[in-house]
Amino acid sequence: MPIIELAKALRQHARVELWADDPAAKGDLKTFCEATGRVTDRLELEPFLRALVRGG
């Protein structure tokens, strides 16, 4: 679900900060960025996933 919300937010904003506690979110984020050309500017994994994502 976090990636779906991220995709929606990126339609309206150039950069979005994603926060997720879903263990699958890291892999989903990587796949999403590869498929859409988005870029992860910052990635933290502890205590939860926190990423800054922008258009590529």
N, C-alpha and C. Protein backbone atom coordinates (compact mmCIF):
# COMPACT_ATOMS: atom_id res chain seq x y z
N MET A 1 0.80 -1.21 0.00
CA MET A 1 0.00 0.00 0.00
C MET A 1 0.84 1.28 0.00
N PRO A 2 2.02 1.32 0.66
CA PRO A 2 2.80 2.57 0.66
C PRO A 2 3.20 3.03 -0.74
N ILE A 3 3.50 2.10 -1.63
CA ILE A 3 3.94 2.47 -2.97
C ILE A 3 2.78 3.04 -3.78
N ILE A 4 1.60 2.54 -3.57
CA ILE A 4 0.42 3.09 -4.26
C ILE A 4 0.20 4.54 -3.83
N GLU A 5 0.30 4.79 -2.55
CA GLU A 5 0.14 6.16 -2.04
C GLU A 5 1.27 7.06 -2.54
N LEU A 6 2.47 6.51 -2.63
CA LEU A 6 3.61 7.27 -3.15
C LEU A 6 3.35 7.67 -4.60
N ALA A 7 2.90 6.74 -5.41
CA ALA A 7 2.62 7.02 -6.82
C ALA A 7 1.57 8.12 -6.96
N LYS A 8 0.54 8.07 -6.15
CA LYS A 8 -0.50 9.11 -6.18
C LYS A 8 0.09 10.48 -5.82
N ALA A 9 0.90 10.52 -4.78
CA ALA A 9 1.47 11.78 -4.33
C ALA A 9 2.44 12.36 -5.36
N LEU A 10 3.18 11.50 -6.05
CA LEU A 10 4.14 11.98 -7.04
C LEU A 10 3.46 12.55 -8.29
N ARG A 11 2.20 12.27 -8.47
CA ARG A 11 1.46 12.89 -9.58
C ARG A 11 1.24 14.39 -9.31
N GLN A 12 1.24 14.76 -8.04
CA GLN A 12 0.96 16.15 -7.66
C GLN A 12 2.19 16.91 -7.17
N HIS A 13 3.23 16.19 -6.76
CA HIS A 13 4.40 16.82 -6.16
C HIS A 13 5.68 16.30 -6.81
N ALA A 14 6.68 17.17 -6.93
CA ALA A 14 7.95 16.78 -7.54
C ALA A 14 8.77 15.87 -6.64
N ARG A 15 8.64 16.06 -5.33
CA ARG A 15 9.37 15.24 -4.35
C ARG A 15 8.40 14.83 -3.25
N VAL A 16 8.55 13.59 -2.81
CA VAL A 16 7.68 13.07 -1.76
C VAL A 16 8.53 12.29 -0.77
N GLU A 17 8.26 12.48 0.51
CA GLU A 17 8.94 11.69 1.53
C GLU A 17 8.02 10.53 1.91
N LEU A 18 8.53 9.33 1.78
CA LEU A 18 7.78 8.11 2.10
C LEU A 18 8.23 7.58 3.45
N TRP A 19 7.28 7.29 4.30
CA TRP A 19 7.53 6.63 5.57
C TRP A 19 6.73 5.35 5.56
N ALA A 20 7.35 4.22 5.89
CA ALA A 20 6.63 2.95 5.87
C ALA A 20 7.22 1.98 6.89
N ASP A 21 6.34 1.23 7.51
CA ASP A 21 6.80 0.19 8.43
C ASP A 21 6.55 -1.20 7.85
N ASP A 22 6.13 -1.27 6.61
CA ASP A 22 5.89 -2.52 5.90
C ASP A 22 7.25 -3.10 5.50
N PRO A 23 7.58 -4.33 5.92
CA PRO A 23 8.88 -4.92 5.59
C PRO A 23 9.13 -5.05 4.08
N ALA A 24 8.08 -5.15 3.30
CA ALA A 24 8.22 -5.31 1.85
C ALA A 24 8.44 -3.97 1.14
N ALA A 25 8.29 -2.87 1.84
CA ALA A 25 8.35 -1.56 1.21
C ALA A 25 9.70 -1.27 0.55
N LYS A 26 10.80 -1.72 1.13
CA LYS A 26 12.12 -1.45 0.55
C LYS A 26 12.22 -2.04 -0.85
N GLY A 27 11.87 -3.30 -1.00
CA GLY A 27 11.92 -3.95 -2.31
C GLY A 27 10.92 -3.36 -3.27
N ASP A 28 9.74 -3.03 -2.77
CA ASP A 28 8.71 -2.41 -3.61
C ASP A 28 9.17 -1.05 -4.11
N LEU A 29 9.82 -0.28 -3.24
CA LEU A 29 10.31 1.04 -3.62
C LEU A 29 11.37 0.92 -4.72
N LYS A 30 12.28 -0.02 -4.57
CA LYS A 30 13.33 -0.24 -5.58
C LYS A 30 12.70 -0.58 -6.93
N THR A 31 11.76 -1.49 -6.92
CA THR A 31 11.08 -1.89 -8.16
C THR A 31 10.31 -0.73 -8.77
N PHE A 32 9.62 0.03 -7.94
CA PHE A 32 8.87 1.19 -8.41
C PHE A 32 9.79 2.21 -9.08
N CYS A 33 10.91 2.51 -8.45
CA CYS A 33 11.84 3.49 -9.01
C CYS A 33 12.43 3.00 -10.33
N GLU A 34 12.79 1.73 -10.41
CA GLU A 34 13.32 1.18 -11.65
C GLU A 34 12.28 1.22 -12.77
N ALA A 35 11.04 0.95 -12.45
CA ALA A 35 9.98 0.89 -13.46
C ALA A 35 9.53 2.28 -13.93
N THR A 36 9.64 3.28 -13.07
CA THR A 36 9.10 4.60 -13.39
C THR A 36 10.16 5.67 -13.64
N GLY A 37 11.43 5.34 -13.41
CA GLY A 37 12.49 6.33 -13.58
C GLY A 37 12.61 7.30 -12.42
N ARG A 38 11.94 7.01 -11.33
CA ARG A 38 12.04 7.85 -10.13
C ARG A 38 13.37 7.60 -9.45
N VAL A 39 13.80 8.53 -8.62
CA VAL A 39 15.08 8.45 -7.94
C VAL A 39 14.87 8.58 -6.43
N THR A 40 15.56 7.75 -5.68
CA THR A 40 15.52 7.84 -4.22
C THR A 40 16.73 8.66 -3.79
N ASP A 41 16.48 9.87 -3.28
CA ASP A 41 17.56 10.75 -2.86
C ASP A 41 18.10 10.39 -1.48
N ARG A 42 17.26 9.89 -0.63
CA ARG A 42 17.68 9.53 0.72
C ARG A 42 16.93 8.27 1.12
N LEU A 43 17.62 7.35 1.76
CA LEU A 43 16.97 6.12 2.22
C LEU A 43 17.50 5.76 3.60
N GLU A 44 16.60 5.71 4.55
CA GLU A 44 16.92 5.26 5.91
C GLU A 44 16.06 4.04 6.19
N LEU A 45 16.61 3.07 6.90
CA LEU A 45 15.88 1.84 7.15
C LEU A 45 15.52 1.61 8.61
N GLU A 46 16.12 2.37 9.51
CA GLU A 46 15.85 2.17 10.93
C GLU A 46 15.34 3.45 11.56
N PRO A 47 14.37 3.44 12.38
CA PRO A 47 13.60 2.29 12.87
C PRO A 47 12.51 1.86 11.90
N PHE A 48 12.36 2.59 10.78
CA PHE A 48 11.39 2.25 9.75
C PHE A 48 11.94 2.79 8.43
N LEU A 49 11.34 2.43 7.33
CA LEU A 49 11.78 2.94 6.04
C LEU A 49 11.35 4.40 5.91
N ARG A 50 12.31 5.24 5.53
CA ARG A 50 12.05 6.64 5.27
C ARG A 50 12.85 7.01 4.04
N ALA A 51 12.17 7.45 2.99
CA ALA A 51 12.84 7.73 1.73
C ALA A 51 12.33 9.02 1.12
N LEU A 52 13.22 9.78 0.50
CA LEU A 52 12.85 10.96 -0.26
C LEU A 52 12.92 10.58 -1.74
N VAL A 53 11.80 10.67 -2.43
CA VAL A 53 11.70 10.20 -3.82
C VAL A 53 11.35 11.39 -4.71
N ARG A 54 11.99 11.44 -5.89
CA ARG A 54 11.71 12.51 -6.85
C ARG A 54 11.70 11.94 -8.25
N GLY A 55 11.23 12.75 -9.18
CA GLY A 55 11.24 12.36 -10.58
C GLY A 55 12.65 12.20 -11.09
N GLY A 56 12.86 11.34 -12.06
CA GLY A 56 14.22 11.07 -12.56
C GLY A 56 14.53 11.75 -13.83
